[in-house]
Amino acid sequence: DSAPVIAPGIIANWATPESSVQPVQGFTAAGFSGNFLTSFSHSTSASG
């Protein structure tokens, strides 16, 4: 939902080809809120 928290000195990088951060939509599971990282896509492609 916001910038990640990274310990001082550590260098972090996400590589998320075709995966994305999306709104949780109607995903009402406790703890899920705002956005999440997901492979969900409206594309029929099985890649990414």
All heavy atoms as atom14 arrays in JSON, in Angstrom:
{
  "sequence": "DSAPVIAPGIIANWATPESSVQPVQGFTAAGFSGNFLTSFSHSTSASG",
  "atom14_mask": [
    [1, 1, 1, 1, 1, 1, 1, 1, 0, 0, 0, 0, 0, 0],
    [1, 1, 1, 1, 1, 1, 0, 0, 0, 0, 0, 0, 0, 0],
    [1, 1, 1, 1, 1, 0, 0, 0, 0, 0, 0, 0, 0, 0],
    [1, 1, 1, 1, 1, 1, 1, 0, 0, 0, 0, 0, 0, 0],
    [1, 1, 1, 1, 1, 1, 1, 0, 0, 0, 0, 0, 0, 0],
    [1, 1, 1, 1, 1, 1, 1, 1, 0, 0, 0, 0, 0, 0],
    [1, 1, 1, 1, 1, 0, 0, 0, 0, 0, 0, 0, 0, 0],
    [1, 1, 1, 1, 1, 1, 1, 0, 0, 0, 0, 0, 0, 0],
    [1, 1, 1, 1, 0, 0, 0, 0, 0, 0, 0, 0, 0, 0],
    [1, 1, 1, 1, 1, 1, 1, 1, 0, 0, 0, 0, 0, 0],
    [1, 1, 1, 1, 1, 1, 1, 1, 0, 0, 0, 0, 0, 0],
    [1, 1, 1, 1, 1, 0, 0, 0, 0, 0, 0, 0, 0, 0],
    [1, 1, 1, 1, 1, 1, 1, 1, 0, 0, 0, 0, 0, 0],
    [1, 1, 1, 1, 1, 1, 1, 1, 1, 1, 1, 1, 1, 1],
    [1, 1, 1, 1, 1, 0, 0, 0, 0, 0, 0, 0, 0, 0],
    [1, 1, 1, 1, 1, 1, 1, 0, 0, 0, 0, 0, 0, 0],
    [1, 1, 1, 1, 1, 1, 1, 0, 0, 0, 0, 0, 0, 0],
    [1, 1, 1, 1, 1, 1, 1, 1, 1, 0, 0, 0, 0, 0],
    [1, 1, 1, 1, 1, 1, 0, 0, 0, 0, 0, 0, 0, 0],
    [1, 1, 1, 1, 1, 1, 0, 0, 0, 0, 0, 0, 0, 0],
    [1, 1, 1, 1, 1, 1, 1, 0, 0, 0, 0, 0, 0, 0],
    [1, 1, 1, 1, 1, 1, 1, 1, 1, 0, 0, 0, 0, 0],
    [1, 1, 1, 1, 1, 1, 1, 0, 0, 0, 0, 0, 0, 0],
    [1, 1, 1, 1, 1, 1, 1, 0, 0, 0, 0, 0, 0, 0],
    [1, 1, 1, 1, 1, 1, 1, 1, 1, 0, 0, 0, 0, 0],
    [1, 1, 1, 1, 0, 0, 0, 0, 0, 0, 0, 0, 0, 0],
    [1, 1, 1, 1, 1, 1, 1, 1, 1, 1, 1, 0, 0, 0],
    [1, 1, 1, 1, 1, 1, 1, 0, 0, 0, 0, 0, 0, 0],
    [1, 1, 1, 1, 1, 0, 0, 0, 0, 0, 0, 0, 0, 0],
    [1, 1, 1, 1, 1, 0, 0, 0, 0, 0, 0, 0, 0, 0],
    [1, 1, 1, 1, 0, 0, 0, 0, 0, 0, 0, 0, 0, 0],
    [1, 1, 1, 1, 1, 1, 1, 1, 1, 1, 1, 0, 0, 0],
    [1, 1, 1, 1, 1, 1, 0, 0, 0, 0, 0, 0, 0, 0],
    [1, 1, 1, 1, 0, 0, 0, 0, 0, 0, 0, 0, 0, 0],
    [1, 1, 1, 1, 1, 1, 1, 1, 0, 0, 0, 0, 0, 0],
    [1, 1, 1, 1, 1, 1, 1, 1, 1, 1, 1, 0, 0, 0],
    [1, 1, 1, 1, 1, 1, 1, 1, 0, 0, 0, 0, 0, 0],
    [1, 1, 1, 1, 1, 1, 1, 0, 0, 0, 0, 0, 0, 0],
    [1, 1, 1, 1, 1, 1, 0, 0, 0, 0, 0, 0, 0, 0],
    [1, 1, 1, 1, 1, 1, 1, 1, 1, 1, 1, 0, 0, 0],
    [1, 1, 1, 1, 1, 1, 0, 0, 0, 0, 0, 0, 0, 0],
    [1, 1, 1, 1, 1, 1, 1, 1, 1, 1, 0, 0, 0, 0],
    [1, 1, 1, 1, 1, 1, 0, 0, 0, 0, 0, 0, 0, 0],
    [1, 1, 1, 1, 1, 1, 1, 0, 0, 0, 0, 0, 0, 0],
    [1, 1, 1, 1, 1, 1, 0, 0, 0, 0, 0, 0, 0, 0],
    [1, 1, 1, 1, 1, 0, 0, 0, 0, 0, 0, 0, 0, 0],
    [1, 1, 1, 1, 1, 1, 0, 0, 0, 0, 0, 0, 0, 0],
    [1, 1, 1, 1, 0, 0, 0, 0, 0, 0, 0, 0, 0, 0]
  ],
  "atom14_positions": [
    [[0.82, -1.2, 0.0], [0.0, 0.0, 0.0], [0.86, 1.26, 0.0], [0.41, 2.33, -0.4], [-0.92, 0.03, 1.22], [-1.93, -1.1, 1.22], [-2.42, -1.43, 0.12], [-2.21, -1.66, 2.29], [0.0, 0.0, 0.0], [0.0, 0.0, 0.0], [0.0, 0.0, 0.0], [0.0, 0.0, 0.0], [0.0, 0.0, 0.0], [0.0, 0.0, 0.0]],
    [[2.08, 1.12, 0.49], [3.01, 2.25, 0.56], [4.42, 1.72, 0.34], [4.61, 0.54, 0.03], [2.88, 2.96, 1.92], [3.08, 2.04, 2.98], [0.0, 0.0, 0.0], [0.0, 0.0, 0.0], [0.0, 0.0, 0.0], [0.0, 0.0, 0.0], [0.0, 0.0, 0.0], [0.0, 0.0, 0.0], [0.0, 0.0, 0.0], [0.0, 0.0, 0.0]],
    [[5.4, 2.59, 0.49], [6.78, 2.17, 0.27], [7.16, 1.05, 1.23], [6.76, 1.07, 2.4], [7.72, 3.35, 0.44], [0.0, 0.0, 0.0], [0.0, 0.0, 0.0], [0.0, 0.0, 0.0], [0.0, 0.0, 0.0], [0.0, 0.0, 0.0], [0.0, 0.0, 0.0], [0.0, 0.0, 0.0], [0.0, 0.0, 0.0], [0.0, 0.0, 0.0]],
    [[7.92, 0.06, 0.77], [8.35, -1.01, 1.66], [9.27, -0.49, 2.76], [9.92, 0.55, 2.6], [9.09, -1.98, 0.73], [9.55, -1.12, -0.41], [8.48, -0.09, -0.59], [0.0, 0.0, 0.0], [0.0, 0.0, 0.0], [0.0, 0.0, 0.0], [0.0, 0.0, 0.0], [0.0, 0.0, 0.0], [0.0, 0.0, 0.0], [0.0, 0.0, 0.0]],
    [[9.32, -1.23, 3.86], [10.24, -0.9, 4.95], [11.46, -1.8, 4.8], [11.35, -3.02, 4.83], [9.58, -1.13, 6.32], [10.57, -0.85, 7.44], [8.34, -0.26, 6.47], [0.0, 0.0, 0.0], [0.0, 0.0, 0.0], [0.0, 0.0, 0.0], [0.0, 0.0, 0.0], [0.0, 0.0, 0.0], [0.0, 0.0, 0.0], [0.0, 0.0, 0.0]],
    [[12.62, -1.19, 4.61], [13.86, -1.92, 4.35], [14.89, -1.53, 5.4], [15.09, -0.34, 5.66], [14.4, -1.61, 2.94], [13.3, -1.84, 1.89], [15.62, -2.46, 2.63], [13.68, -1.35, 0.49], [0.0, 0.0, 0.0], [0.0, 0.0, 0.0], [0.0, 0.0, 0.0], [0.0, 0.0, 0.0], [0.0, 0.0, 0.0], [0.0, 0.0, 0.0]],
    [[15.53, -2.52, 6.01], [16.54, -2.23, 7.03], [17.69, -1.43, 6.43], [18.02, -1.6, 5.25], [17.06, -3.53, 7.64], [0.0, 0.0, 0.0], [0.0, 0.0, 0.0], [0.0, 0.0, 0.0], [0.0, 0.0, 0.0], [0.0, 0.0, 0.0], [0.0, 0.0, 0.0], [0.0, 0.0, 0.0], [0.0, 0.0, 0.0], [0.0, 0.0, 0.0]],
    [[18.29, -0.54, 7.21], [19.38, 0.3, 6.7], [20.49, -0.52, 6.05], [20.92, -1.55, 6.59], [19.89, 1.01, 7.96], [18.71, 1.03, 8.87], [17.98, -0.25, 8.63], [0.0, 0.0, 0.0], [0.0, 0.0, 0.0], [0.0, 0.0, 0.0], [0.0, 0.0, 0.0], [0.0, 0.0, 0.0], [0.0, 0.0, 0.0], [0.0, 0.0, 0.0]],
    [[20.94, -0.07, 4.89], [22.06, -0.7, 4.19], [21.65, -1.78, 3.22], [22.42, -2.15, 2.32], [0.0, 0.0, 0.0], [0.0, 0.0, 0.0], [0.0, 0.0, 0.0], [0.0, 0.0, 0.0], [0.0, 0.0, 0.0], [0.0, 0.0, 0.0], [0.0, 0.0, 0.0], [0.0, 0.0, 0.0], [0.0, 0.0, 0.0], [0.0, 0.0, 0.0]],
    [[20.45, -2.34, 3.36], [20.0, -3.42, 2.48], [19.45, -2.83, 1.18], [18.74, -1.82, 1.2], [18.93, -4.28, 3.19], [19.56, -5.01, 4.38], [18.31, -5.29, 2.22], [18.57, -5.83, 5.18], [0.0, 0.0, 0.0], [0.0, 0.0, 0.0], [0.0, 0.0, 0.0], [0.0, 0.0, 0.0], [0.0, 0.0, 0.0], [0.0, 0.0, 0.0]],
    [[19.78, -3.48, 0.09], [19.29, -3.06, -1.22], [18.25, -4.09, -1.68], [18.53, -5.29, -1.72], [20.44, -2.98, -2.24], [21.5, -1.98, -1.75], [19.92, -2.57, -3.62], [22.78, -2.01, -2.55], [0.0, 0.0, 0.0], [0.0, 0.0, 0.0], [0.0, 0.0, 0.0], [0.0, 0.0, 0.0], [0.0, 0.0, 0.0], [0.0, 0.0, 0.0]],
    [[17.05, -3.62, -2.02], [15.95, -4.52, -2.37], [15.41, -4.21, -3.76], [15.37, -3.06, -4.18], [14.82, -4.39, -1.35], [0.0, 0.0, 0.0], [0.0, 0.0, 0.0], [0.0, 0.0, 0.0], [0.0, 0.0, 0.0], [0.0, 0.0, 0.0], [0.0, 0.0, 0.0], [0.0, 0.0, 0.0], [0.0, 0.0, 0.0], [0.0, 0.0, 0.0]],
    [[14.99, -5.26, -4.44], [14.4, -5.1, -5.77], [13.38, -6.19, -6.04], [13.65, -7.38, -5.82], [15.5, -5.15, -6.84], [14.93, -5.02, -8.24], [14.33, -4.02, -8.59], [15.12, -6.06, -9.04], [0.0, 0.0, 0.0], [0.0, 0.0, 0.0], [0.0, 0.0, 0.0], [0.0, 0.0, 0.0], [0.0, 0.0, 0.0], [0.0, 0.0, 0.0]],
    [[12.19, -5.81, -6.49], [11.18, -6.76, -6.95], [11.24, -6.85, -8.46], [11.22, -5.83, -9.15], [9.77, -6.29, -6.57], [9.28, -6.69, -5.22], [9.1, -5.87, -4.16], [8.85, -8.0, -4.8], [8.6, -6.58, -3.09], [8.43, -7.88, -3.45], [8.79, -9.25, -5.4], [7.96, -8.96, -2.71], [8.31, -10.33, -4.67], [7.91, -10.18, -3.35]],
    [[11.31, -8.04, -8.99], [11.13, -8.26, -10.43], [9.82, -9.01, -10.58], [9.7, -10.16, -10.15], [12.29, -9.09, -11.0], [0.0, 0.0, 0.0], [0.0, 0.0, 0.0], [0.0, 0.0, 0.0], [0.0, 0.0, 0.0], [0.0, 0.0, 0.0], [0.0, 0.0, 0.0], [0.0, 0.0, 0.0], [0.0, 0.0, 0.0], [0.0, 0.0, 0.0]],
    [[8.84, -8.37, -11.16], [7.49, -8.95, -11.22], [6.96, -8.91, -12.65], [6.03, -8.17, -12.95], [6.53, -8.19, -10.29], [6.55, -6.8, -10.65], [6.96, -8.33, -8.84], [0.0, 0.0, 0.0], [0.0, 0.0, 0.0], [0.0, 0.0, 0.0], [0.0, 0.0, 0.0], [0.0, 0.0, 0.0], [0.0, 0.0, 0.0], [0.0, 0.0, 0.0]],
    [[7.55, -9.69, -13.55], [7.08, -9.67, -14.93], [5.62, -10.09, -15.03], [5.24, -11.19, -14.66], [7.99, -10.69, -15.63], [8.49, -11.56, -14.52], [8.59, -10.68, -13.34], [0.0, 0.0, 0.0], [0.0, 0.0, 0.0], [0.0, 0.0, 0.0], [0.0, 0.0, 0.0], [0.0, 0.0, 0.0], [0.0, 0.0, 0.0], [0.0, 0.0, 0.0]],
    [[4.81, -9.17, -15.49], [3.38, -9.36, -15.68], [2.6, -9.61, -14.4], [1.38, -9.69, -14.42], [3.08, -10.49, -16.7], [3.55, -10.15, -18.1], [3.13, -11.22, -19.09], [2.03, -11.76, -18.96], [3.92, -11.51, -20.0], [0.0, 0.0, 0.0], [0.0, 0.0, 0.0], [0.0, 0.0, 0.0], [0.0, 0.0, 0.0], [0.0, 0.0, 0.0]],
    [[3.3, -9.77, -13.29], [2.61, -9.77, -12.0], [2.47, -8.31, -11.6], [3.16, -7.45, -12.12], [3.42, -10.53, -10.96], [3.62, -11.86, -11.35], [0.0, 0.0, 0.0], [0.0, 0.0, 0.0], [0.0, 0.0, 0.0], [0.0, 0.0, 0.0], [0.0, 0.0, 0.0], [0.0, 0.0, 0.0], [0.0, 0.0, 0.0], [0.0, 0.0, 0.0]],
    [[1.61, -8.0, -10.71], [1.4, -6.6, -10.4], [0.82, -6.41, -9.02], [0.32, -7.34, -8.39], [0.46, -5.96, -11.44], [-0.8, -6.6, -11.42], [0.0, 0.0, 0.0], [0.0, 0.0, 0.0], [0.0, 0.0, 0.0], [0.0, 0.0, 0.0], [0.0, 0.0, 0.0], [0.0, 0.0, 0.0], [0.0, 0.0, 0.0], [0.0, 0.0, 0.0]],
    [[0.89, -5.18, -8.57], [0.22, -4.78, -7.35], [-1.16, -4.27, -7.76], [-1.29, -3.36, -8.55], [1.01, -3.69, -6.61], [0.22, -3.18, -5.41], [2.37, -4.24, -6.18], [0.0, 0.0, 0.0], [0.0, 0.0, 0.0], [0.0, 0.0, 0.0], [0.0, 0.0, 0.0], [0.0, 0.0, 0.0], [0.0, 0.0, 0.0], [0.0, 0.0, 0.0]],
    [[-2.2, -4.9, -7.23], [-3.57, -4.55, -7.58], [-4.4, -4.35, -6.33], [-4.07, -4.87, -5.26], [-4.21, -5.68, -8.41], [-3.57, -5.93, -9.75], [-4.35, -6.99, -10.54], [-5.52, -7.25, -10.25], [-3.7, -7.59, -11.51], [0.0, 0.0, 0.0], [0.0, 0.0, 0.0], [0.0, 0.0, 0.0], [0.0, 0.0, 0.0], [0.0, 0.0, 0.0]],
    [[-5.51, -3.63, -6.46], [-6.45, -3.55, -5.33], [-6.96, -4.94, -4.99], [-7.12, -5.78, -5.88], [-7.57, -2.66, -5.87], [-6.97, -1.9, -6.99], [-5.95, -2.82, -7.6], [0.0, 0.0, 0.0], [0.0, 0.0, 0.0], [0.0, 0.0, 0.0], [0.0, 0.0, 0.0], [0.0, 0.0, 0.0], [0.0, 0.0, 0.0], [0.0, 0.0, 0.0]],
    [[-7.24, -5.19, -3.72], [-7.73, -6.49, -3.32], [-9.17, -6.72, -3.78], [-9.72, -7.8, -3.62], [-7.63, -6.7, -1.79], [-6.2, -6.71, -1.35], [-8.43, -5.65, -1.04], [0.0, 0.0, 0.0], [0.0, 0.0, 0.0], [0.0, 0.0, 0.0], [0.0, 0.0, 0.0], [0.0, 0.0, 0.0], [0.0, 0.0, 0.0], [0.0, 0.0, 0.0]],
    [[-9.78, -5.69, -4.36], [-11.15, -5.78, -4.86], [-12.07, -6.26, -3.74], [-12.08, -5.7, -2.66], [-11.19, -6.7, -6.09], [-10.28, -6.21, -7.22], [-10.29, -7.14, -8.41], [-11.33, -7.56, -8.88], [-9.11, -7.46, -8.93], [0.0, 0.0, 0.0], [0.0, 0.0, 0.0], [0.0, 0.0, 0.0], [0.0, 0.0, 0.0], [0.0, 0.0, 0.0]],
    [[-12.81, -7.32, -3.96], [-13.72, -7.79, -2.92], [-13.11, -8.82, -2.02], [-13.83, -9.53, -1.31], [0.0, 0.0, 0.0], [0.0, 0.0, 0.0], [0.0, 0.0, 0.0], [0.0, 0.0, 0.0], [0.0, 0.0, 0.0], [0.0, 0.0, 0.0], [0.0, 0.0, 0.0], [0.0, 0.0, 0.0], [0.0, 0.0, 0.0], [0.0, 0.0, 0.0]],
    [[-11.77, -8.95, -2.05], [-11.11, -9.99, -1.26], [-11.18, -9.59, 0.2], [-10.43, -8.74, 0.68], [-9.66, -10.13, -1.73], [-9.07, -11.47, -1.4], [-9.16, -12.53, -2.29], [-8.44, -11.69, -0.2], [-8.62, -13.77, -2.0], [-7.89, -12.93, 0.1], [-7.99, -13.97, -0.8], [0.0, 0.0, 0.0], [0.0, 0.0, 0.0], [0.0, 0.0, 0.0]],
    [[-12.1, -10.21, 0.92], [-12.42, -9.75, 2.28], [-11.69, -10.51, 3.37], [-12.03, -10.38, 4.54], [-13.94, -9.89, 2.52], [-14.32, -11.26, 2.3], [-14.72, -8.98, 1.6], [0.0, 0.0, 0.0], [0.0, 0.0, 0.0], [0.0, 0.0, 0.0], [0.0, 0.0, 0.0], [0.0, 0.0, 0.0], [0.0, 0.0, 0.0], [0.0, 0.0, 0.0]],
    [[-10.69, -11.32, 3.02], [-9.96, -12.08, 4.03], [-9.31, -11.13, 5.03], [-8.77, -10.09, 4.68], [-8.89, -12.94, 3.37], [0.0, 0.0, 0.0], [0.0, 0.0, 0.0], [0.0, 0.0, 0.0], [0.0, 0.0, 0.0], [0.0, 0.0, 0.0], [0.0, 0.0, 0.0], [0.0, 0.0, 0.0], [0.0, 0.0, 0.0], [0.0, 0.0, 0.0]],
    [[-9.4, -11.5, 6.31], [-8.82, -10.66, 7.36], [-7.34, -10.43, 7.1], [-6.59, -11.36, 6.8], [-9.02, -11.34, 8.71], [0.0, 0.0, 0.0], [0.0, 0.0, 0.0], [0.0, 0.0, 0.0], [0.0, 0.0, 0.0], [0.0, 0.0, 0.0], [0.0, 0.0, 0.0], [0.0, 0.0, 0.0], [0.0, 0.0, 0.0], [0.0, 0.0, 0.0]],
    [[-6.92, -9.19, 7.22], [-5.51, -8.86, 7.02], [-5.21, -8.35, 5.62], [-4.3, -7.54, 5.44], [0.0, 0.0, 0.0], [0.0, 0.0, 0.0], [0.0, 0.0, 0.0], [0.0, 0.0, 0.0], [0.0, 0.0, 0.0], [0.0, 0.0, 0.0], [0.0, 0.0, 0.0], [0.0, 0.0, 0.0], [0.0, 0.0, 0.0], [0.0, 0.0, 0.0]],
    [[-5.93, -8.81, 4.62], [-5.77, -8.27, 3.27], [-6.47, -6.92, 3.21], [-7.65, -6.8, 3.55], [-6.39, -9.21, 2.23], [-5.57, -10.42, 1.91], [-5.68, -11.56, 2.68], [-4.68, -10.43, 0.84], [-4.95, -12.7, 2.39], [-3.94, -11.55, 0.55], [-4.06, -12.69, 1.32], [0.0, 0.0, 0.0], [0.0, 0.0, 0.0], [0.0, 0.0, 0.0]],
    [[-5.75, -5.9, 2.77], [-6.36, -4.58, 2.67], [-5.62, -3.76, 1.63], [-4.46, -4.03, 1.33], [-6.33, -3.86, 4.03], [-4.99, -3.65, 4.44], [0.0, 0.0, 0.0], [0.0, 0.0, 0.0], [0.0, 0.0, 0.0], [0.0, 0.0, 0.0], [0.0, 0.0, 0.0], [0.0, 0.0, 0.0], [0.0, 0.0, 0.0], [0.0, 0.0, 0.0]],
    [[-6.3, -2.77, 1.09], [-5.66, -1.91, 0.11], [-5.24, -2.68, -1.13], [-6.07, -3.19, -1.88], [0.0, 0.0, 0.0], [0.0, 0.0, 0.0], [0.0, 0.0, 0.0], [0.0, 0.0, 0.0], [0.0, 0.0, 0.0], [0.0, 0.0, 0.0], [0.0, 0.0, 0.0], [0.0, 0.0, 0.0], [0.0, 0.0, 0.0], [0.0, 0.0, 0.0]],
    [[-3.93, -2.79, -1.34], [-3.37, -3.51, -2.47], [-2.65, -4.76, -2.03], [-2.24, -4.88, -0.88], [-2.39, -2.61, -3.23], [-3.04, -1.36, -3.75], [-4.14, -1.39, -4.29], [-2.38, -0.23, -3.56], [0.0, 0.0, 0.0], [0.0, 0.0, 0.0], [0.0, 0.0, 0.0], [0.0, 0.0, 0.0], [0.0, 0.0, 0.0], [0.0, 0.0, 0.0]],
    [[-2.47, -5.68, -2.96], [-1.61, -6.82, -2.72], [-0.88, -7.17, -4.01], [-1.25, -6.73, -5.09], [-2.36, -8.0, -2.13], [-3.39, -8.69, -3.01], [-3.9, -9.92, -2.62], [-3.86, -8.14, -4.18], [-4.85, -10.58, -3.39], [-4.81, -8.79, -4.96], [-5.3, -10.01, -4.56], [0.0, 0.0, 0.0], [0.0, 0.0, 0.0], [0.0, 0.0, 0.0]],
    [[0.2, -7.95, -3.87], [0.95, -8.42, -5.03], [0.25, -9.67, -5.54], [0.0, -10.6, -4.77], [2.39, -8.74, -4.64], [3.27, -9.27, -5.78], [3.52, -8.2, -6.83], [4.6, -9.77, -5.22], [0.0, 0.0, 0.0], [0.0, 0.0, 0.0], [0.0, 0.0, 0.0], [0.0, 0.0, 0.0], [0.0, 0.0, 0.0], [0.0, 0.0, 0.0]],
    [[-0.08, -9.71, -6.82], [-0.84, -10.83, -7.33], [-0.48, -11.16, -8.77], [-0.03, -10.3, -9.52], [-2.36, -10.54, -7.25], [-3.09, -11.62, -7.84], [-2.72, -9.26, -7.98], [0.0, 0.0, 0.0], [0.0, 0.0, 0.0], [0.0, 0.0, 0.0], [0.0, 0.0, 0.0], [0.0, 0.0, 0.0], [0.0, 0.0, 0.0], [0.0, 0.0, 0.0]],
    [[-0.67, -12.41, -9.13], [-0.5, -12.84, -10.52], [-1.81, -12.71, -11.29], [-1.87, -13.0, -12.48], [-0.03, -14.3, -10.58], [-1.03, -15.17, -10.09], [0.0, 0.0, 0.0], [0.0, 0.0, 0.0], [0.0, 0.0, 0.0], [0.0, 0.0, 0.0], [0.0, 0.0, 0.0], [0.0, 0.0, 0.0], [0.0, 0.0, 0.0], [0.0, 0.0, 0.0]],
    [[-2.88, -12.28, -10.6], [-4.2, -12.21, -11.23], [-4.18, -11.24, -12.41], [-3.66, -10.13, -12.33], [-5.25, -11.76, -10.22], [-6.65, -11.71, -10.78], [-7.35, -12.88, -10.98], [-7.24, -10.51, -11.09], [-8.64, -12.86, -11.49], [-8.52, -10.47, -11.6], [-9.23, -11.65, -11.8], [0.0, 0.0, 0.0], [0.0, 0.0, 0.0], [0.0, 0.0, 0.0]],
    [[-4.74, -11.67, -13.51], [-4.77, -10.86, -14.72], [-6.04, -11.17, -15.48], [-6.57, -12.28, -15.43], [-3.55, -11.16, -15.59], [-3.69, -10.57, -16.87], [0.0, 0.0, 0.0], [0.0, 0.0, 0.0], [0.0, 0.0, 0.0], [0.0, 0.0, 0.0], [0.0, 0.0, 0.0], [0.0, 0.0, 0.0], [0.0, 0.0, 0.0], [0.0, 0.0, 0.0]],
    [[-6.53, -10.19, -16.2], [-7.69, -10.43, -17.06], [-7.26, -11.08, -18.37], [-8.08, -11.5, -19.17], [-8.43, -9.12, -17.33], [-9.07, -8.57, -16.1], [-10.14, -9.16, -15.48], [-8.76, -7.47, -15.35], [-10.49, -8.45, -14.41], [-9.67, -7.43, -14.31], [0.0, 0.0, 0.0], [0.0, 0.0, 0.0], [0.0, 0.0, 0.0], [0.0, 0.0, 0.0]],
    [[-5.95, -11.17, -18.56], [-5.44, -11.85, -19.75], [-5.59, -13.35, -19.6], [-5.59, -13.89, -18.49], [-3.96, -11.49, -19.95], [-3.37, -12.33, -20.9], [0.0, 0.0, 0.0], [0.0, 0.0, 0.0], [0.0, 0.0, 0.0], [0.0, 0.0, 0.0], [0.0, 0.0, 0.0], [0.0, 0.0, 0.0], [0.0, 0.0, 0.0], [0.0, 0.0, 0.0]],
    [[-5.72, -14.06, -20.7], [-5.79, -15.52, -20.65], [-4.41, -16.15, -20.71], [-4.27, -17.37, -20.69], [-6.63, -16.06, -21.82], [-6.05, -15.62, -23.07], [-8.07, -15.56, -21.73], [0.0, 0.0, 0.0], [0.0, 0.0, 0.0], [0.0, 0.0, 0.0], [0.0, 0.0, 0.0], [0.0, 0.0, 0.0], [0.0, 0.0, 0.0], [0.0, 0.0, 0.0]],
    [[-3.38, -15.31, -20.78], [-2.02, -15.83, -20.85], [-1.65, -16.51, -19.54], [-1.94, -16.02, -18.45], [-1.03, -14.7, -21.14], [0.3, -15.14, -20.98], [0.0, 0.0, 0.0], [0.0, 0.0, 0.0], [0.0, 0.0, 0.0], [0.0, 0.0, 0.0], [0.0, 0.0, 0.0], [0.0, 0.0, 0.0], [0.0, 0.0, 0.0], [0.0, 0.0, 0.0]],
    [[-1.0, -17.66, -19.64], [-0.55, -18.39, -18.46], [0.84, -17.95, -18.02], [1.37, -18.44, -17.04], [-0.55, -19.88, -18.73], [0.0, 0.0, 0.0], [0.0, 0.0, 0.0], [0.0, 0.0, 0.0], [0.0, 0.0, 0.0], [0.0, 0.0, 0.0], [0.0, 0.0, 0.0], [0.0, 0.0, 0.0], [0.0, 0.0, 0.0], [0.0, 0.0, 0.0]],
    [[1.45, -17.04, -18.76], [2.81, -16.6, -18.42], [2.74, -15.45, -17.43], [1.69, -14.91, -17.13], [3.54, -16.15, -19.68], [2.88, -15.02, -20.25], [0.0, 0.0, 0.0], [0.0, 0.0, 0.0], [0.0, 0.0, 0.0], [0.0, 0.0, 0.0], [0.0, 0.0, 0.0], [0.0, 0.0, 0.0], [0.0, 0.0, 0.0], [0.0, 0.0, 0.0]],
    [[3.93, -15.09, -16.94], [4.02, -13.92, -16.07], [3.45, -14.11, -14.69], [2.92, -13.17, -14.11], [0.0, 0.0, 0.0], [0.0, 0.0, 0.0], [0.0, 0.0, 0.0], [0.0, 0.0, 0.0], [0.0, 0.0, 0.0], [0.0, 0.0, 0.0], [0.0, 0.0, 0.0], [0.0, 0.0, 0.0], [0.0, 0.0, 0.0], [0.0, 0.0, 0.0]]
  ]
}
